[in-house]
C-alpha cells in the first residue's frame, strides 16, 4: 500500500485549513481527489478523537456559544427536488463554544439546530470545563433547556437577544440583513455580570470559520456533498485553529493561552496525529451525529 509522504500530507491539509477546496488541493498537490478525500477522513477522525481527549479540564471564566449555518448536498428548500439526495441533505449547523479570554474552541458540534442537538452540544461543553463559568448564548430557545440539563445551577448564564428592524427596501442582494436596532441582555440563571454578556468573540470566530473552510463560503460549488466530510473538516479546523494558528492578539496559539498545550504545534504535528493517535469508537459522537440520521 502506497503511503503519501509527510510533506504532501502537510501541503494538502494546509490548503484545506487556509480556505482551499478539495479539488484545488488536488490540483495544487498533484494528487487525485480520492486521495484528498481519504486524507480528510483520516485526519478528521483523528482530530476529533484528539480534541475529545486533550481539550478537557479547561479553566475558563467566560464562554460564548453560537451556531453557524451551512448546508449539505442542497439547501433545505431544494432537497425535495434534488436528484439522489442523501438522508443528511439540507441545513447543517455547526455549534461552537469559545473561551472569551484565550479564544480556545472548547467544543464543536455538527448537526441540526434543534433541542436534541442543543443538549448534545451543551453536555459536551460542560464536561470540558473545570470551573464555574459565565456563559453567553444568543436567543435560540434550545439553549434554555440544554444549559440547565448540562450545568444544573452551577453556571452564570445569560442570553444576548438582538432586535432587528425591517429589511432595507432598496436591498437587492440576498445577504442584506435588516438593521440591528438594539440588544437585550436576558439573565437565565445564576448571577451573570452584565458587562460580560456578549457574543462578539464567537461571532468573529464564525467569520474566521467561513474564511478558512471553503465549504462554508456562500455562492460557490465547494459546499459539502457529504455530511460526514463536513464534520471531518470542522474537526480538522478546530485542532489547526487551537494548536497551530498563532492568534494575532494573544501572540500564541489559543491552546497555549489556555494551558492545554505547552508549545506551538506545526502542521506536521497535525499530519502525524492521524498516524499515531488511536481513534476510539466512542469518540464518534458529537461532531458525527445528526438528528436526521436516527
Protein backbone atom coordinates (compact mmCIF):
# COMPACT_ATOMS: atom_id res chain seq x y z
CA UNK A 1 0.00 0.00 0.00
CA UNK A 2 1.42 3.37 -1.04
CA UNK A 3 1.72 5.94 1.72
CA UNK A 4 1.55 9.64 0.95
CA UNK A 5 4.77 11.43 2.02
CA UNK A 6 4.52 13.64 5.10
CA UNK A 7 5.32 16.80 3.11
CA UNK A 8 2.47 16.06 0.71
CA UNK A 9 0.02 15.43 3.55
CA UNK A 10 1.09 18.68 5.20
CA UNK A 11 0.56 20.55 1.93
CA UNK A 12 -2.96 19.16 1.41
CA UNK A 13 -4.11 19.75 4.99
CA UNK A 14 -2.67 23.27 4.94
CA UNK A 15 -4.60 24.10 1.78
CA UNK A 16 -7.83 22.81 3.31
CA UNK A 17 -7.30 24.84 6.50
CA UNK A 18 -6.44 28.01 4.59
CA UNK A 19 -9.69 28.18 2.64
CA UNK A 20 -8.93 25.93 -0.31
CA UNK A 21 -11.41 23.44 -1.70
CA UNK A 22 -10.75 19.72 -2.02
CA UNK A 23 -10.36 19.97 -5.79
CA UNK A 24 -7.98 22.90 -5.56
CA UNK A 25 -5.93 20.87 -3.05
CA UNK A 26 -5.96 18.01 -5.53
CA UNK A 27 -4.65 20.21 -8.32
CA UNK A 28 -2.03 22.05 -6.26
CA UNK A 29 -0.66 18.88 -4.65
CA UNK A 30 -0.93 16.90 -7.91
CA UNK A 31 -2.87 14.04 -6.34
CA UNK A 32 -6.26 12.54 -7.07
CA UNK A 33 -9.42 13.88 -5.46
CA UNK A 34 -9.89 10.45 -3.83
CA UNK A 35 -6.53 10.86 -2.12
CA UNK A 36 -7.57 14.23 -0.71
CA UNK A 37 -10.91 12.80 0.43
CA UNK A 38 -9.27 9.82 2.17
CA UNK A 39 -6.75 12.10 3.90
CA UNK A 40 -9.54 14.39 5.11
CA UNK A 41 -11.47 11.45 6.57
CA UNK A 42 -8.42 10.04 8.36
CA UNK A 43 -7.31 13.44 9.68
CA UNK A 44 -10.83 14.45 10.68
CA UNK A 45 -11.47 11.29 12.68
CA UNK A 46 -8.10 11.53 14.41
CA UNK A 47 -8.50 15.25 15.17
CA UNK A 48 -11.96 14.66 16.65
CA UNK A 49 -10.55 11.95 18.91
CA UNK A 50 -7.54 14.11 19.80
CA UNK A 51 -9.72 17.10 20.69
CA UNK A 52 -12.00 14.86 22.75
CA UNK A 53 -9.05 13.66 24.83
CA UNK A 54 -6.88 16.77 25.09
CA UNK A 55 -9.32 19.66 25.47
CA UNK A 56 -10.55 18.85 28.97
CA UNK A 57 -10.25 20.47 32.37
CA UNK A 58 -10.29 23.91 30.78
CA UNK A 59 -10.18 26.64 33.43
CA UNK A 60 -12.27 29.28 31.77
CA UNK A 61 -14.14 32.26 33.17
CA UNK A 62 -16.30 33.27 30.21
CA UNK A 63 -17.71 31.08 27.44
CA UNK A 64 -19.60 32.30 24.38
CA UNK A 65 -21.72 29.96 22.24
CA UNK A 66 -23.26 30.32 18.80
CA UNK A 67 -24.30 28.34 15.71
CA UNK A 68 -23.21 28.93 12.13
CA UNK A 69 -25.26 27.80 9.13
CA UNK A 70 -24.19 25.85 6.09
CA UNK A 71 -25.78 23.11 4.02
CA UNK A 72 -25.03 19.62 2.77
CA UNK A 73 -25.70 18.49 -0.83
CA UNK A 74 -28.50 21.02 -1.34
CA UNK A 75 -30.25 23.80 0.50
CA UNK A 76 -33.25 22.67 2.51
CA UNK A 77 -35.74 24.21 0.09
CA UNK A 78 -34.21 22.25 -2.82
CA UNK A 79 -33.80 18.84 -1.18
CA UNK A 80 -37.23 17.65 -2.32
CA UNK A 81 -36.39 18.11 -5.99
CA UNK A 82 -32.68 17.20 -5.77
CA UNK A 83 -31.52 14.08 -7.55
CA UNK A 84 -30.39 11.24 -5.28
CA UNK A 85 -30.27 13.47 -2.20
CA UNK A 86 -28.83 11.63 0.83
CA UNK A 87 -30.70 11.44 4.11
CA UNK A 88 -28.46 14.09 5.68
CA UNK A 89 -29.01 16.66 2.91
CA UNK A 90 -30.18 20.16 3.81
CA UNK A 91 -29.33 22.62 6.55
CA UNK A 92 -26.18 21.80 8.52
CA UNK A 93 -25.39 23.76 11.67
CA UNK A 94 -22.03 23.98 13.41
CA UNK A 95 -22.30 24.76 17.13
CA UNK A 96 -19.20 26.27 18.72
CA UNK A 97 -18.19 27.22 22.26
CA UNK A 98 -15.34 29.73 22.60
CA UNK A 99 -13.33 30.86 25.61
CA UNK A 100 -13.64 34.66 25.53
CA UNK A 101 -10.18 35.20 27.08
CA UNK A 102 -7.97 32.60 25.40
CA UNK A 103 -10.07 32.24 22.21
CA UNK A 104 -9.88 28.45 22.59
CA UNK A 105 -12.56 26.43 20.79
CA UNK A 106 -13.70 24.41 23.79
CA UNK A 107 -16.31 22.38 21.94
CA UNK A 108 -17.70 21.98 18.43
CA UNK A 109 -20.69 20.01 17.21
CA UNK A 110 -22.17 19.48 13.75
CA UNK A 111 -25.86 18.67 13.41
CA UNK A 112 -29.28 20.26 13.26
CA UNK A 113 -30.41 23.35 15.13
CA UNK A 114 -32.93 21.58 17.33
CA UNK A 115 -33.28 20.89 21.05
CA UNK A 116 -31.70 17.44 20.85
CA UNK A 117 -28.52 18.70 19.22
CA UNK A 118 -28.51 21.61 21.68
CA UNK A 119 -28.43 19.10 24.55
CA UNK A 120 -25.62 17.09 22.95
CA UNK A 121 -23.59 20.22 22.41
CA UNK A 122 -24.09 21.74 25.85
CA UNK A 123 -23.39 18.44 27.61
CA UNK A 124 -20.06 18.32 25.78
CA UNK A 125 -19.26 21.92 26.76
CA UNK A 126 -19.98 21.26 30.43
CA UNK A 127 -17.77 18.16 30.70
CA UNK A 128 -14.74 20.04 29.30
CA UNK A 129 -14.79 22.83 31.89
CA UNK A 130 -13.05 22.65 35.26
CA UNK A 131 -14.64 25.68 36.91
CA UNK A 132 -17.84 27.66 37.11
CA UNK A 133 -18.18 29.97 34.11
CA UNK A 134 -20.28 32.80 32.82
CA UNK A 135 -21.99 31.50 29.71
CA UNK A 136 -23.48 33.72 27.00
CA UNK A 137 -25.59 32.42 24.12
CA UNK A 138 -27.80 34.01 21.51
CA UNK A 139 -31.57 33.97 21.86
CA UNK A 140 -32.02 30.44 20.49
CA UNK A 141 -34.60 28.72 22.70
CA UNK A 142 -32.86 25.34 22.55
CA UNK A 143 -30.19 26.69 24.90
CA UNK A 144 -32.61 27.25 27.76
CA UNK A 145 -33.26 23.58 28.49
CA UNK A 146 -29.83 22.43 27.31
CA UNK A 147 -27.90 24.68 29.71
CA UNK A 148 -29.94 23.64 32.74
CA UNK A 149 -29.61 19.98 31.83
CA UNK A 150 -25.84 20.18 31.39
CA UNK A 151 -24.86 22.52 34.24
CA UNK A 152 -27.77 22.40 36.68
CA UNK A 153 -27.47 25.62 38.65
CA UNK A 154 -23.66 25.63 38.60
CA UNK A 155 -23.37 28.32 35.91
CA UNK A 156 -23.96 32.03 35.41
CA UNK A 157 -25.86 32.17 32.15
CA UNK A 158 -27.40 34.93 30.07
CA UNK A 159 -28.73 35.33 26.55
CA UNK A 160 -27.91 38.22 24.25
CA UNK A 161 -31.03 38.80 22.17
CA UNK A 162 -30.69 41.03 19.12
CA UNK A 163 -33.65 43.02 17.84
CA UNK A 164 -33.98 43.84 14.15
CA UNK A 165 -35.97 46.35 12.18
CA UNK A 166 -37.48 45.94 8.73
CA UNK A 167 -35.23 44.84 5.89
CA UNK A 168 -33.99 47.81 3.81
CA UNK A 169 -36.37 48.47 0.95
CA UNK A 170 -33.63 49.10 -1.59
CA UNK A 171 -31.66 45.96 -0.71
CA UNK A 172 -31.46 43.80 -3.81
CA UNK A 173 -28.96 41.26 -2.52
CA UNK A 174 -29.97 38.13 -0.65
CA UNK A 175 -27.41 38.89 2.05
CA UNK A 176 -28.57 42.35 3.03
CA UNK A 177 -29.93 41.72 6.53
CA UNK A 178 -32.20 44.03 8.45
CA UNK A 179 -30.54 46.59 10.67
CA UNK A 180 -29.96 45.63 14.29
CA UNK A 181 -31.98 48.15 16.26
CA UNK A 182 -30.88 47.06 19.71
CA UNK A 183 -29.88 44.24 22.03
CA UNK A 184 -31.40 42.83 25.17
CA UNK A 185 -29.39 41.04 27.86
CA UNK A 186 -31.58 38.39 29.47
CA UNK A 187 -30.31 36.63 32.63
CA UNK A 188 -31.15 32.92 32.55
CA UNK A 189 -29.66 31.54 35.76
CA UNK A 190 -27.05 32.37 38.36
CA UNK A 191 -25.60 35.87 38.57
CA UNK A 192 -24.13 36.79 35.18
CA UNK A 193 -22.16 40.03 35.05
CA UNK A 194 -23.94 42.31 32.52
CA UNK A 195 -20.57 43.75 31.41
CA UNK A 196 -19.55 40.35 30.07
CA UNK A 197 -22.82 39.33 28.43
CA UNK A 198 -21.52 39.34 24.87
CA UNK A 199 -21.26 37.14 21.78
CA UNK A 200 -18.76 39.36 19.93
CA UNK A 201 -15.86 36.91 20.06
CA UNK A 202 -17.85 33.88 18.94
CA UNK A 203 -19.40 35.85 16.10
CA UNK A 204 -15.91 36.86 14.99
CA UNK A 205 -14.97 33.20 15.19
CA UNK A 206 -17.85 32.44 12.81
CA UNK A 207 -16.21 34.74 10.26
CA UNK A 208 -12.87 33.00 10.75
CA UNK A 209 -14.54 29.65 10.09
CA UNK A 210 -16.11 30.93 6.87
CA UNK A 211 -12.78 32.32 5.71
CA UNK A 212 -10.76 29.18 6.46
CA UNK A 213 -13.15 26.42 5.39
CA UNK A 214 -14.16 26.65 1.76
CA UNK A 215 -17.30 24.57 2.25
CA UNK A 216 -18.72 27.42 4.38
CA UNK A 217 -18.30 30.00 1.61
CA UNK A 218 -21.61 31.16 0.17
CA UNK A 219 -22.47 31.14 -3.55
CA UNK A 220 -19.83 28.60 -4.58
CA UNK A 221 -19.93 24.94 -5.58
CA UNK A 222 -17.48 23.97 -2.80
CA UNK A 223 -20.27 23.25 -0.29
CA UNK A 224 -20.29 19.87 1.47
CA UNK A 225 -21.68 16.97 -0.53
CA UNK A 226 -21.47 14.59 2.43
CA UNK A 227 -22.42 15.39 6.00
CA UNK A 228 -19.58 13.25 7.37
CA UNK A 229 -16.96 15.18 5.38
CA UNK A 230 -18.35 18.44 6.74
CA UNK A 231 -17.83 17.14 10.28
CA UNK A 232 -14.34 15.87 9.43
CA UNK A 233 -13.33 19.31 8.14
CA UNK A 234 -14.66 21.05 11.25
CA UNK A 235 -12.69 18.65 13.47
CA UNK A 236 -9.51 19.26 11.45
CA UNK A 237 -10.05 23.03 11.55
CA UNK A 238 -10.60 23.06 15.33
CA UNK A 239 -7.25 21.36 16.02
CA UNK A 240 -5.46 23.59 13.50
CA UNK A 241 -7.05 26.72 14.99
CA UNK A 242 -6.41 25.72 18.62
CA UNK A 243 -2.88 24.33 18.33
CA UNK A 244 -1.24 25.63 15.12
CA UNK A 245 -2.56 29.10 14.32
CA UNK A 246 -0.99 31.96 16.26
CA UNK A 247 -3.70 34.34 17.43
CA UNK A 248 -2.83 37.87 16.36
CA UNK A 249 -3.76 39.47 19.69
CA UNK A 250 -2.53 36.74 22.03
CA UNK A 251 0.69 36.13 20.04
CA UNK A 252 0.44 32.44 20.95
CA UNK A 253 -1.97 29.71 19.96
CA UNK A 254 -5.28 29.50 21.87
CA UNK A 255 -4.21 26.11 23.26
CA UNK A 256 -1.07 27.66 24.73
CA UNK A 257 -3.03 30.58 26.19
CA UNK A 258 -5.43 28.13 27.83
CA UNK A 259 -2.58 25.90 29.12
CA UNK A 260 -3.86 23.00 27.06
CA UNK A 261 -0.54 22.82 25.20
CA UNK A 262 2.98 23.84 26.26
CA UNK A 263 4.23 24.52 22.74
CA UNK A 264 3.17 25.79 19.35
CA UNK A 265 2.26 22.97 17.02
CA UNK A 266 3.23 22.74 13.37
CA UNK A 267 1.15 21.35 10.54
CA UNK A 268 3.49 18.36 10.55
CA UNK A 269 2.23 17.56 14.05
CA UNK A 270 -1.36 17.63 12.84
CA UNK A 271 -0.50 15.41 9.86
CA UNK A 272 1.12 12.90 12.20
CA UNK A 273 -1.88 12.81 14.54
CA UNK A 274 -3.79 10.60 12.12
CA UNK A 275 -0.84 8.20 12.09
CA UNK A 276 -0.19 7.82 15.81
CA UNK A 277 -3.45 8.73 17.53
CA UNK A 278 -5.78 5.85 18.25
CA UNK A 279 -9.35 6.64 17.17
CA UNK A 280 -11.71 5.20 19.74
CA UNK A 281 -15.19 4.23 18.52
CA UNK A 282 -16.72 6.12 21.46
CA UNK A 283 -15.35 9.39 20.13
CA UNK A 284 -17.57 9.25 17.05
CA UNK A 285 -20.35 11.09 18.83
CA UNK A 286 -20.79 14.88 18.83
CA UNK A 287 -19.21 16.02 15.57
CA UNK A 288 -20.52 12.95 13.72
CA UNK A 289 -24.13 12.89 14.90
CA UNK A 290 -27.12 14.46 13.26
CA UNK A 291 -30.70 14.05 14.39
CA UNK A 292 -31.86 13.19 10.87
CA UNK A 293 -29.63 10.11 10.89
CA UNK A 294 -31.56 8.45 13.70
